[in-house]
Amino acid sequence: MNNSTERKNNFKSPETIITLIPIFISSGVALLLILFYVIPQYFYSTKVNLELNELIKKKNELDDLKSQYKIINQKFDKLNKEKAIIIETITGTLNLDTLIAKFGELGEKNSIAFDSIVPKKVINFVDNNSVDKKDKKNIPANLNVDSLMVEGIKKYLIDFSFKTNFINLLNFLRELEFQENLILIEDINLKLEGQNINNPNIDNSQAMLNVKLRMIFYGKI
């Protein structure tokens, strides 16, 4: 009993109270630091860390996108080169005027007397994806689609009328096959000169023929 009373008296003594005051003050300051500095700094640090992780994730995604873009760009360049080769193969380098002049040279070489060379129609490439649904309804369902018509190419229909014999006609057509431009024959009509009926069986190779010929020539836009 006396010991307990002495402890209580010692705790209440001025010396003990003076000793405990710095402890209470330090504890209060520490508590205030924790409440107003440490905890806010912790939450701020957590937020910054999350943002940093998000930025790192986005950076990695950006690197992946750059790699994909590089691959796509390389494929696109390859496709463009292949497209240019296809267009060059179909159209060659001659324009319409130069090609018609070439026809004149070949005609003179093969003793062909031209009556007329008439460009009848020019057909430009139309991308079906760019055509409105309303316009598509006006396109006949049985319309023949030209697989050689791609973006960058236009098609010329040219009518020829000339006189020659059968041998020279064959030589003329054979030389057309070796031109750098792709040339197709859409229609040909042969008549013996002085007759009004078609003659599919030509026995005399030296007989003069009236020839009507429609050609298709592909050129660059």
C-alpha atoms as a PDB file:
ATOM      1  CA  MET A   1       0.000   0.000   0.000  1.00  0.00           C
ATOM      2  CA  ASN A   2       2.781   2.360   0.884  1.00  0.00           C
ATOM      3  CA  ASN A   3       4.653   1.438  -2.339  1.00  0.00           C
ATOM      4  CA  SER A   4       1.603   2.148  -4.499  1.00  0.00           C
ATOM      5  CA  THR A   5       1.052   5.472  -2.795  1.00  0.00           C
ATOM      6  CA  GLU A   6       4.680   6.365  -3.277  1.00  0.00           C
ATOM      7  CA  ARG A   7       4.468   5.565  -7.053  1.00  0.00           C
ATOM      8  CA  LYS A   8       1.416   7.771  -7.429  1.00  0.00           C
ATOM      9  CA  ASN A   9       3.095  10.527  -5.572  1.00  0.00           C
ATOM     10  CA  ASN A  10       6.244  10.117  -7.667  1.00  0.00           C
ATOM     11  CA  PHE A  11       4.171  10.239 -10.898  1.00  0.00           C
ATOM     12  CA  LYS A  12       2.550  13.440  -9.763  1.00  0.00           C
ATOM     13  CA  SER A  13       5.790  14.962  -8.688  1.00  0.00           C
ATOM     14  CA  PRO A  14       6.991  18.057 -10.574  1.00  0.00           C
ATOM     15  CA  GLU A  15      10.148  16.261 -11.654  1.00  0.00           C
ATOM     16  CA  THR A  16       8.160  13.470 -13.324  1.00  0.00           C
ATOM     17  CA  ILE A  17       5.755  15.876 -15.001  1.00  0.00           C
ATOM     18  CA  ILE A  18       8.643  17.985 -16.329  1.00  0.00           C
ATOM     19  CA  THR A  19      10.216  14.815 -17.709  1.00  0.00           C
ATOM     20  CA  LEU A  20       7.005  13.710 -19.441  1.00  0.00           C
ATOM     21  CA  ILE A  21       6.214  17.090 -21.065  1.00  0.00           C
ATOM     22  CA  PRO A  22       8.868  16.706 -23.834  1.00  0.00           C
ATOM     23  CA  ILE A  23       7.569  13.195 -24.517  1.00  0.00           C
ATOM     24  CA  PHE A  24       4.002  14.436 -24.915  1.00  0.00           C
ATOM     25  CA  ILE A  25       5.152  17.311 -27.078  1.00  0.00           C
ATOM     26  CA  SER A  26       7.269  15.003 -29.269  1.00  0.00           C
ATOM     27  CA  SER A  27       4.381  12.557 -29.587  1.00  0.00           C
ATOM     28  CA  GLY A  28       2.018  15.368 -30.568  1.00  0.00           C
ATOM     29  CA  VAL A  29       4.466  16.731 -33.126  1.00  0.00           C
ATOM     30  CA  ALA A  30       5.013  13.214 -34.512  1.00  0.00           C
ATOM     31  CA  LEU A  31       1.274  12.663 -34.716  1.00  0.00           C
ATOM     32  CA  LEU A  32       0.806  15.975 -36.512  1.00  0.00           C
ATOM     33  CA  LEU A  33       3.630  15.111 -38.932  1.00  0.00           C
ATOM     34  CA  ILE A  34       2.026  11.755 -39.654  1.00  0.00           C
ATOM     35  CA  LEU A  35      -1.425  13.280 -40.188  1.00  0.00           C
ATOM     36  CA  PHE A  36      -0.425  16.314 -42.253  1.00  0.00           C
ATOM     37  CA  TYR A  37       2.769  15.228 -44.007  1.00  0.00           C
ATOM     38  CA  VAL A  38       3.529  11.515 -43.955  1.00  0.00           C
ATOM     39  CA  ILE A  39       0.038  10.274 -44.882  1.00  0.00           C
ATOM     40  CA  PRO A  40      -0.485  12.893 -47.678  1.00  0.00           C
ATOM     41  CA  GLN A  41       3.013  12.104 -48.978  1.00  0.00           C
ATOM     42  CA  TYR A  42       2.172   8.402 -48.958  1.00  0.00           C
ATOM     43  CA  PHE A  43      -1.000   8.923 -50.969  1.00  0.00           C
ATOM     44  CA  TYR A  44       0.812  11.312 -53.314  1.00  0.00           C
ATOM     45  CA  SER A  45       3.651   8.834 -53.777  1.00  0.00           C
ATOM     46  CA  THR A  46       1.128   6.059 -54.476  1.00  0.00           C
ATOM     47  CA  LYS A  47      -0.627   8.256 -57.043  1.00  0.00           C
ATOM     48  CA  VAL A  48       2.661   9.187 -58.731  1.00  0.00           C
ATOM     49  CA  ASN A  49       3.677   5.529 -58.826  1.00  0.00           C
ATOM     50  CA  LEU A  50       0.376   4.569 -60.477  1.00  0.00           C
ATOM     51  CA  GLU A  51       0.756   7.359 -63.029  1.00  0.00           C
ATOM     52  CA  LEU A  52       4.338   6.281 -63.695  1.00  0.00           C
ATOM     53  CA  ASN A  53       3.243   2.684 -64.259  1.00  0.00           C
ATOM     54  CA  GLU A  54       0.496   3.914 -66.613  1.00  0.00           C
ATOM     55  CA  LEU A  55       3.012   6.014 -68.556  1.00  0.00           C
ATOM     56  CA  ILE A  56       5.363   3.045 -68.815  1.00  0.00           C
ATOM     57  CA  LYS A  57       2.473   0.922 -70.083  1.00  0.00           C
ATOM     58  CA  LYS A  58       1.527   3.571 -72.649  1.00  0.00           C
ATOM     59  CA  LYS A  59       5.160   3.900 -73.712  1.00  0.00           C
ATOM     60  CA  ASN A  60       5.368   0.151 -74.278  1.00  0.00           C
ATOM     61  CA  GLU A  61       2.106   0.275 -76.239  1.00  0.00           C
ATOM     62  CA  LEU A  62       3.456   3.210 -78.256  1.00  0.00           C
ATOM     63  CA  ASP A  63       6.613   1.240 -79.062  1.00  0.00           C
ATOM     64  CA  ASP A  64       4.405  -1.661 -80.201  1.00  0.00           C
ATOM     65  CA  LEU A  65       2.297   0.713 -82.332  1.00  0.00           C
ATOM     66  CA  LYS A  66       5.456   2.165 -83.881  1.00  0.00           C
ATOM     67  CA  SER A  67       6.640  -1.333 -84.750  1.00  0.00           C
ATOM     68  CA  GLN A  68       3.240  -2.198 -86.249  1.00  0.00           C
ATOM     69  CA  TYR A  69       3.191   1.104 -88.168  1.00  0.00           C
ATOM     70  CA  LYS A  70       6.648   0.365 -89.555  1.00  0.00           C
ATOM     71  CA  ILE A  71       5.538  -3.103 -90.706  1.00  0.00           C
ATOM     72  CA  ILE A  72       2.304  -1.724 -92.216  1.00  0.00           C
ATOM     73  CA  ASN A  73       4.232   1.079 -93.932  1.00  0.00           C
ATOM     74  CA  GLN A  74       6.680  -1.431 -95.423  1.00  0.00           C
ATOM     75  CA  LYS A  75       3.771  -3.559 -96.699  1.00  0.00           C
ATOM     76  CA  PHE A  76       2.090  -0.442 -98.090  1.00  0.00           C
ATOM     77  CA  ASP A  77       5.275   0.569 -99.931  1.00  0.00           C
ATOM     78  CA  LYS A  78       5.593  -2.971-101.299  1.00  0.00           C
ATOM     79  CA  LEU A  79       1.977  -2.922-102.506  1.00  0.00           C
ATOM     80  CA  ASN A  80       2.506   0.481-104.139  1.00  0.00           C
ATOM     81  CA  LYS A  81       5.568  -0.827-105.963  1.00  0.00           C
ATOM     82  CA  GLU A  82       3.672  -3.927-107.093  1.00  0.00           C
ATOM     83  CA  LYS A  83       0.769  -1.724-108.199  1.00  0.00           C
ATOM     84  CA  ALA A  84       3.165   0.516-110.160  1.00  0.00           C
ATOM     85  CA  ILE A  85       4.639  -2.565-111.869  1.00  0.00           C
ATOM     86  CA  ILE A  86       1.142  -3.830-112.776  1.00  0.00           C
ATOM     87  CA  ILE A  87       0.128  -0.432-114.163  1.00  0.00           C
ATOM     88  CA  GLU A  88       3.382  -0.182-116.110  1.00  0.00           C
ATOM     89  CA  THR A  89       2.840  -3.685-117.514  1.00  0.00           C
ATOM     90  CA  ILE A  90      -0.716  -2.888-118.629  1.00  0.00           C
ATOM     91  CA  THR A  91      -0.255   0.664-119.880  1.00  0.00           C
ATOM     92  CA  GLY A  92       3.387   0.817-120.922  1.00  0.00           C
ATOM     93  CA  THR A  93       4.816   4.293-121.420  1.00  0.00           C
ATOM     94  CA  LEU A  94       3.056   5.429-124.592  1.00  0.00           C
ATOM     95  CA  ASN A  95       0.185   7.904-124.427  1.00  0.00           C
ATOM     96  CA  LEU A  96      -2.771   7.817-126.803  1.00  0.00           C
ATOM     97  CA  ASP A  97      -1.303  10.199-129.403  1.00  0.00           C
ATOM     98  CA  THR A  98       2.007   8.354-129.484  1.00  0.00           C
ATOM     99  CA  LEU A  99       0.267   5.001-129.767  1.00  0.00           C
ATOM    100  CA  ILE A 100      -1.899   6.153-132.676  1.00  0.00           C
ATOM    101  CA  ALA A 101       1.259   7.426-134.380  1.00  0.00           C
ATOM    102  CA  LYS A 102       2.753   3.976-133.786  1.00  0.00           C
ATOM    103  CA  PHE A 103      -0.294   2.403-135.413  1.00  0.00           C
ATOM    104  CA  GLY A 104       0.366   4.615-138.443  1.00  0.00           C
ATOM    105  CA  GLU A 105       3.969   3.397-138.639  1.00  0.00           C
ATOM    106  CA  LEU A 106       2.904  -0.249-138.390  1.00  0.00           C
ATOM    107  CA  GLY A 107       0.192   0.347-141.017  1.00  0.00           C
ATOM    108  CA  GLU A 108       2.681   1.873-143.433  1.00  0.00           C
ATOM    109  CA  LYS A 109       5.136  -0.972-142.788  1.00  0.00           C
ATOM    110  CA  ASN A 110       2.452  -3.574-143.587  1.00  0.00           C
ATOM    111  CA  SER A 111       0.929  -1.773-146.570  1.00  0.00           C
ATOM    112  CA  ILE A 112      -2.279  -0.857-144.770  1.00  0.00           C
ATOM    113  CA  ALA A 113      -4.298   2.071-146.072  1.00  0.00           C
ATOM    114  CA  PHE A 114      -6.148   3.654-143.148  1.00  0.00           C
ATOM    115  CA  ASP A 115      -9.495   5.275-143.872  1.00  0.00           C
ATOM    116  CA  SER A 116     -10.011   6.463-140.292  1.00  0.00           C
ATOM    117  CA  ILE A 117      -8.736   6.101-136.721  1.00  0.00           C
ATOM    118  CA  VAL A 118     -11.360   7.341-134.269  1.00  0.00           C
ATOM    119  CA  PRO A 119     -11.075   7.227-130.449  1.00  0.00           C
ATOM    120  CA  LYS A 120     -14.685   6.410-129.543  1.00  0.00           C
ATOM    121  CA  LYS A 121     -14.748   6.309-125.773  1.00  0.00           C
ATOM    122  CA  VAL A 122     -12.633   6.828-122.673  1.00  0.00           C
ATOM    123  CA  ILE A 123     -13.516   4.844-119.538  1.00  0.00           C
ATOM    124  CA  ASN A 124     -12.047   5.940-116.235  1.00  0.00           C
ATOM    125  CA  PHE A 125     -11.570   3.700-113.224  1.00  0.00           C
ATOM    126  CA  VAL A 126     -14.404   3.859-110.692  1.00  0.00           C
ATOM    127  CA  ASP A 127     -13.918   2.507-107.187  1.00  0.00           C
ATOM    128  CA  ASN A 128     -17.078   0.557-106.307  1.00  0.00           C
ATOM    129  CA  ASN A 129     -16.523   1.309-102.630  1.00  0.00           C
ATOM    130  CA  SER A 130     -16.805   5.025-103.322  1.00  0.00           C
ATOM    131  CA  VAL A 131     -20.039   4.746-105.289  1.00  0.00           C
ATOM    132  CA  ASP A 132     -23.187   5.716-103.386  1.00  0.00           C
ATOM    133  CA  LYS A 133     -25.769   2.979-102.816  1.00  0.00           C
ATOM    134  CA  LYS A 134     -28.259   5.017-104.847  1.00  0.00           C
ATOM    135  CA  ASP A 135     -25.869   5.106-107.817  1.00  0.00           C
ATOM    136  CA  LYS A 136     -25.099   1.401-107.505  1.00  0.00           C
ATOM    137  CA  LYS A 137     -28.769   0.603-108.086  1.00  0.00           C
ATOM    138  CA  ASN A 138     -28.490   2.230-111.519  1.00  0.00           C
ATOM    139  CA  ILE A 139     -25.613  -0.053-112.552  1.00  0.00           C
ATOM    140  CA  PRO A 140     -26.855  -3.110-114.514  1.00  0.00           C
ATOM    141  CA  ALA A 141     -26.295  -6.382-112.667  1.00  0.00           C
ATOM    142  CA  ASN A 142     -25.040  -8.095-115.843  1.00  0.00           C
ATOM    143  CA  LEU A 143     -22.433  -5.410-116.538  1.00  0.00           C
ATOM    144  CA  ASN A 144     -19.067  -6.959-117.363  1.00  0.00           C
ATOM    145  CA  VAL A 145     -16.397  -5.847-114.910  1.00  0.00           C
ATOM    146  CA  ASP A 146     -12.970  -5.275-116.448  1.00  0.00           C
ATOM    147  CA  SER A 147     -10.436  -6.914-114.123  1.00  0.00           C
ATOM    148  CA  LEU A 148      -7.638  -4.880-115.735  1.00  0.00           C
ATOM    149  CA  MET A 149      -9.194  -1.596-114.675  1.00  0.00           C
ATOM    150  CA  VAL A 150      -7.510  -0.507-111.463  1.00  0.00           C
ATOM    151  CA  GLU A 151      -6.853   2.842-109.891  1.00  0.00           C
ATOM    152  CA  GLY A 152      -4.438   4.830-112.072  1.00  0.00           C
ATOM    153  CA  ILE A 153      -5.633   3.315-115.391  1.00  0.00           C
ATOM    154  CA  LYS A 154      -8.132   4.456-117.990  1.00  0.00           C
ATOM    155  CA  LYS A 155      -9.392   2.528-121.005  1.00  0.00           C
ATOM    156  CA  TYR A 156      -9.661   3.822-124.585  1.00  0.00           C
ATOM    157  CA  LEU A 157     -11.926   2.297-127.228  1.00  0.00           C
ATOM    158  CA  ILE A 158     -10.602   3.070-130.700  1.00  0.00           C
ATOM    159  CA  ASP A 159     -12.292   2.305-134.024  1.00  0.00           C
ATOM    160  CA  PHE A 160     -10.098   1.617-137.077  1.00  0.00           C
ATOM    161  CA  SER A 161     -11.213   1.446-140.684  1.00  0.00           C
ATOM    162  CA  PHE A 162      -8.659   0.426-143.320  1.00  0.00           C
ATOM    163  CA  LYS A 163      -7.963  -1.617-146.458  1.00  0.00           C
ATOM    164  CA  THR A 164      -5.397  -4.381-146.740  1.00  0.00           C
ATOM    165  CA  ASN A 165      -5.009  -7.987-147.784  1.00  0.00           C
ATOM    166  CA  PHE A 166      -5.241 -10.949-145.447  1.00  0.00           C
ATOM    167  CA  ILE A 167      -1.467 -11.539-145.119  1.00  0.00           C
ATOM    168  CA  ASN A 168      -0.741  -7.914-144.264  1.00  0.00           C
ATOM    169  CA  LEU A 169      -3.619  -7.886-141.795  1.00  0.00           C
ATOM    170  CA  LEU A 170      -2.146 -10.884-139.947  1.00  0.00           C
ATOM    171  CA  ASN A 171       1.300  -9.245-139.883  1.00  0.00           C
ATOM    172  CA  PHE A 172      -0.236  -6.012-138.547  1.00  0.00           C
ATOM    173  CA  LEU A 173      -2.130  -7.821-135.779  1.00  0.00           C
ATOM    174  CA  ARG A 174       0.930  -9.886-134.901  1.00  0.00           C
ATOM    175  CA  GLU A 175       3.064  -6.761-134.446  1.00  0.00           C
ATOM    176  CA  LEU A 176       0.400  -5.212-132.212  1.00  0.00           C
ATOM    177  CA  GLU A 177       0.951  -8.090-129.779  1.00  0.00           C
ATOM    178  CA  PHE A 178       4.544  -6.984-129.239  1.00  0.00           C
ATOM    179  CA  GLN A 179       3.768  -3.406-128.302  1.00  0.00           C
ATOM    180  CA  GLU A 180       4.586  -2.388-124.730  1.00  0.00           C
ATOM    181  CA  ASN A 181       1.008  -1.252-124.090  1.00  0.00           C
ATOM    182  CA  LEU A 182      -1.633  -3.896-123.583  1.00  0.00           C
ATOM    183  CA  ILE A 183      -3.866  -3.870-126.682  1.00  0.00           C
ATOM    184  CA  LEU A 184      -6.993  -5.996-127.010  1.00  0.00           C
ATOM    185  CA  ILE A 185      -9.226  -6.519-130.020  1.00  0.00           C
ATOM    186  CA  GLU A 186     -12.877  -6.185-129.043  1.00  0.00           C
ATOM    187  CA  ASP A 187     -14.479  -6.550-132.471  1.00  0.00           C
ATOM    188  CA  ILE A 188     -13.362  -7.143-136.050  1.00  0.00           C
ATOM    189  CA  ASN A 189     -15.379  -7.056-139.253  1.00  0.00           C
ATOM    190  CA  LEU A 190     -13.936  -8.199-142.607  1.00  0.00           C
ATOM    191  CA  LYS A 191     -15.456  -7.689-146.034  1.00  0.00           C
ATOM    192  CA  LEU A 192     -14.027  -8.347-149.456  1.00  0.00           C
ATOM    193  CA  GLU A 193     -13.699  -5.056-151.219  1.00  0.00           C
ATOM    194  CA  GLY A 194     -16.672  -4.441-153.492  1.00  0.00           C
ATOM    195  CA  GLN A 195     -18.984  -6.796-151.589  1.00  0.00           C
ATOM    196  CA  ASN A 196     -21.590  -5.923-148.959  1.00  0.00           C
ATOM    197  CA  ILE A 197     -21.670  -9.236-147.115  1.00  0.00           C
ATOM    198  CA  ASN A 198     -19.313 -10.672-144.522  1.00  0.00           C
ATOM    199  CA  ASN A 199     -17.031 -13.346-145.858  1.00  0.00           C
ATOM    200  CA  PRO A 200     -15.613 -15.470-143.050  1.00  0.00           C
ATOM    201  CA  ASN A 201     -13.856 -17.815-145.506  1.00  0.00           C
ATOM    202  CA  ILE A 202     -11.210 -15.913-147.424  1.00  0.00           C
ATOM    203  CA  ASP A 203      -9.615 -18.119-150.042  1.00  0.00           C
ATOM    204  CA  ASN A 204      -7.577 -15.444-151.796  1.00  0.00           C
ATOM    205  CA  SER A 205      -4.970 -14.107-149.368  1.00  0.00           C
ATOM    206  CA  GLN A 206      -4.109 -11.288-151.785  1.00  0.00           C
ATOM    207  CA  ALA A 207      -7.684 -10.058-152.119  1.00  0.00           C
ATOM    208  CA  MET A 208      -8.241  -6.581-150.684  1.00  0.00           C
ATOM    209  CA  LEU A 209     -10.311  -6.439-147.538  1.00  0.00           C
ATOM    210  CA  ASN A 210     -12.313  -3.665-145.975  1.00  0.00           C
ATOM    211  CA  VAL A 211     -11.518  -3.990-142.265  1.00  0.00           C
ATOM    212  CA  LYS A 212     -13.370  -2.451-139.376  1.00  0.00           C
ATOM    213  CA  LEU A 213     -11.601  -3.031-136.121  1.00  0.00           C
ATOM    214  CA  ARG A 214     -12.294  -1.918-132.559  1.00  0.00           C
ATOM    215  CA  MET A 215      -9.337  -1.986-130.180  1.00  0.00           C
ATOM    216  CA  ILE A 216      -9.019  -1.473-126.458  1.00  0.00           C
ATOM    217  CA  PHE A 217      -5.969   0.372-125.264  1.00  0.00           C
ATOM    218  CA  TYR A 218      -5.075   0.947-121.597  1.00  0.00           C
ATOM    219  CA  GLY A 219      -3.326   4.137-120.563  1.00  0.00           C
ATOM    220  CA  LYS A 220      -2.274   5.932-117.412  1.00  0.00           C
ATOM    221  CA  ILE A 221      -4.459   8.553-115.817  1.00  0.00           C
END
